[in-house]
Amino acid sequence: MRVSSVPAEPRTRSLALAIAALALLAILVAWCAHPICMPLSAADVAEAAKWAPLETRTDRQLHGPIWQRHGDQWYQCKSWISRQFFF
């Protein structure tokens, strides 16, 4: 008694293609979401602080906070796709 009318080989090939497509999609999403951090000049920090001090801001993206301080330098971190379309 045969359970399925589809031969095993085409089903395996379809499953492999589906897994490959999902892996490619995951890689694309990860690439678009990875953070790009740009250092801010003193003038940029002063301009951004007009709205609220950078230390108190809670703006976030998938990767973490947008405004980050490393040592004495402030950085604005956005996703790659955000940098491409919105500077």
C-alpha atoms as a PDB file:
ATOM      1  CA  MET A   1       0.000   0.000   0.000  1.00  0.00           C
ATOM      2  CA  ARG A   2       1.428   3.332  -1.085  1.00  0.00           C
ATOM      3  CA  VAL A   3       0.764   6.335   1.176  1.00  0.00           C
ATOM      4  CA  SER A   4       1.751   9.194  -1.140  1.00  0.00           C
ATOM      5  CA  SER A   5       1.614   9.522  -4.884  1.00  0.00           C
ATOM      6  CA  VAL A   6       4.614  11.922  -4.891  1.00  0.00           C
ATOM      7  CA  PRO A   7       7.961  10.177  -5.258  1.00  0.00           C
ATOM      8  CA  ALA A   8      10.419  10.754  -2.395  1.00  0.00           C
ATOM      9  CA  GLU A   9      13.106  12.409  -4.540  1.00  0.00           C
ATOM     10  CA  PRO A  10      11.054  15.454  -5.734  1.00  0.00           C
ATOM     11  CA  ARG A  11       9.687  15.922  -2.195  1.00  0.00           C
ATOM     12  CA  THR A  12      13.228  15.939  -0.805  1.00  0.00           C
ATOM     13  CA  ARG A  13      14.323  18.406  -3.458  1.00  0.00           C
ATOM     14  CA  SER A  14      11.376  20.700  -2.668  1.00  0.00           C
ATOM     15  CA  LEU A  15      12.167  20.567   1.036  1.00  0.00           C
ATOM     16  CA  ALA A  16      15.829  21.393   0.354  1.00  0.00           C
ATOM     17  CA  LEU A  17      14.825  24.354  -1.824  1.00  0.00           C
ATOM     18  CA  ALA A  18      12.414  25.620   0.843  1.00  0.00           C
ATOM     19  CA  ILE A  19      15.102  25.397   3.530  1.00  0.00           C
ATOM     20  CA  ALA A  20      17.615  27.170   1.272  1.00  0.00           C
ATOM     21  CA  ALA A  21      15.103  29.939   0.535  1.00  0.00           C
ATOM     22  CA  LEU A  22      14.391  30.433   4.257  1.00  0.00           C
ATOM     23  CA  ALA A  23      18.120  30.517   5.025  1.00  0.00           C
ATOM     24  CA  LEU A  24      18.672  33.117   2.303  1.00  0.00           C
ATOM     25  CA  LEU A  25      15.806  35.215   3.659  1.00  0.00           C
ATOM     26  CA  ALA A  26      17.235  35.017   7.197  1.00  0.00           C
ATOM     27  CA  ILE A  27      20.659  36.130   5.936  1.00  0.00           C
ATOM     28  CA  LEU A  28      19.072  39.049   4.056  1.00  0.00           C
ATOM     29  CA  VAL A  29      17.120  40.187   7.127  1.00  0.00           C
ATOM     30  CA  ALA A  30      20.234  39.896   9.317  1.00  0.00           C
ATOM     31  CA  TRP A  31      22.260  41.947   6.822  1.00  0.00           C
ATOM     32  CA  CYS A  32      19.621  44.678   6.613  1.00  0.00           C
ATOM     33  CA  ALA A  33      19.290  44.849  10.413  1.00  0.00           C
ATOM     34  CA  HIS A  34      22.980  44.881  11.408  1.00  0.00           C
ATOM     35  CA  PRO A  35      24.007  48.128  13.112  1.00  0.00           C
ATOM     36  CA  ILE A  36      26.176  50.838  11.609  1.00  0.00           C
ATOM     37  CA  CYS A  37      27.507  53.255  14.241  1.00  0.00           C
ATOM     38  CA  MET A  38      28.685  56.698  13.164  1.00  0.00           C
ATOM     39  CA  PRO A  39      30.651  58.974  15.534  1.00  0.00           C
ATOM     40  CA  LEU A  40      29.003  62.284  16.347  1.00  0.00           C
ATOM     41  CA  SER A  41      30.871  65.579  16.309  1.00  0.00           C
ATOM     42  CA  ALA A  42      30.554  67.996  19.228  1.00  0.00           C
ATOM     43  CA  ALA A  43      28.161  70.084  17.103  1.00  0.00           C
ATOM     44  CA  ASP A  44      26.007  67.013  16.369  1.00  0.00           C
ATOM     45  CA  VAL A  45      25.857  66.144  20.083  1.00  0.00           C
ATOM     46  CA  ALA A  46      24.863  69.734  20.969  1.00  0.00           C
ATOM     47  CA  GLU A  47      22.165  69.730  18.259  1.00  0.00           C
ATOM     48  CA  ALA A  48      20.766  66.358  19.338  1.00  0.00           C
ATOM     49  CA  ALA A  49      20.794  67.389  23.005  1.00  0.00           C
ATOM     50  CA  LYS A  50      18.414  70.302  22.266  1.00  0.00           C
ATOM     51  CA  TRP A  51      15.502  67.855  22.319  1.00  0.00           C
ATOM     52  CA  ALA A  52      16.650  65.811  25.315  1.00  0.00           C
ATOM     53  CA  PRO A  53      20.004  64.866  26.830  1.00  0.00           C
ATOM     54  CA  LEU A  54      21.473  61.869  25.014  1.00  0.00           C
ATOM     55  CA  GLU A  55      22.040  60.092  28.334  1.00  0.00           C
ATOM     56  CA  THR A  56      18.289  59.998  29.000  1.00  0.00           C
ATOM     57  CA  ARG A  57      17.068  58.988  25.551  1.00  0.00           C
ATOM     58  CA  THR A  58      15.504  55.560  25.214  1.00  0.00           C
ATOM     59  CA  ASP A  59      15.283  55.342  21.394  1.00  0.00           C
ATOM     60  CA  ARG A  60      15.980  51.755  20.313  1.00  0.00           C
ATOM     61  CA  GLN A  61      16.198  49.592  17.222  1.00  0.00           C
ATOM     62  CA  LEU A  62      16.520  45.798  16.966  1.00  0.00           C
ATOM     63  CA  HIS A  63      20.228  45.873  17.832  1.00  0.00           C
ATOM     64  CA  GLY A  64      19.931  48.102  20.901  1.00  0.00           C
ATOM     65  CA  PRO A  65      20.022  51.794  21.784  1.00  0.00           C
ATOM     66  CA  ILE A  66      20.495  54.310  18.988  1.00  0.00           C
ATOM     67  CA  TRP A  67      22.549  56.758  21.063  1.00  0.00           C
ATOM     68  CA  GLN A  68      25.622  55.059  22.509  1.00  0.00           C
ATOM     69  CA  ARG A  69      28.611  56.417  24.347  1.00  0.00           C
ATOM     70  CA  HIS A  70      31.953  54.629  24.190  1.00  0.00           C
ATOM     71  CA  GLY A  71      34.561  56.413  26.269  1.00  0.00           C
ATOM     72  CA  ASP A  72      34.279  60.135  25.536  1.00  0.00           C
ATOM     73  CA  GLN A  73      32.748  59.661  22.065  1.00  0.00           C
ATOM     74  CA  TRP A  74      29.023  59.556  21.255  1.00  0.00           C
ATOM     75  CA  TYR A  75      27.763  57.360  18.415  1.00  0.00           C
ATOM     76  CA  GLN A  76      24.472  57.150  16.567  1.00  0.00           C
ATOM     77  CA  CYS A  77      23.799  53.489  15.762  1.00  0.00           C
ATOM     78  CA  LYS A  78      21.167  52.589  13.177  1.00  0.00           C
ATOM     79  CA  SER A  79      20.469  49.523  11.107  1.00  0.00           C
ATOM     80  CA  TRP A  80      22.115  49.282   7.693  1.00  0.00           C
ATOM     81  CA  ILE A  81      18.776  49.610   5.886  1.00  0.00           C
ATOM     82  CA  SER A  82      17.888  52.671   7.962  1.00  0.00           C
ATOM     83  CA  ARG A  83      21.192  54.322   7.030  1.00  0.00           C
ATOM     84  CA  GLN A  84      20.568  53.609   3.344  1.00  0.00           C
ATOM     85  CA  PHE A  85      17.151  55.280   3.260  1.00  0.00           C
ATOM     86  CA  PHE A  86      17.124  57.791   6.125  1.00  0.00           C
ATOM     87  CA  PHE A  87      20.792  58.789   6.611  1.00  0.00           C
END
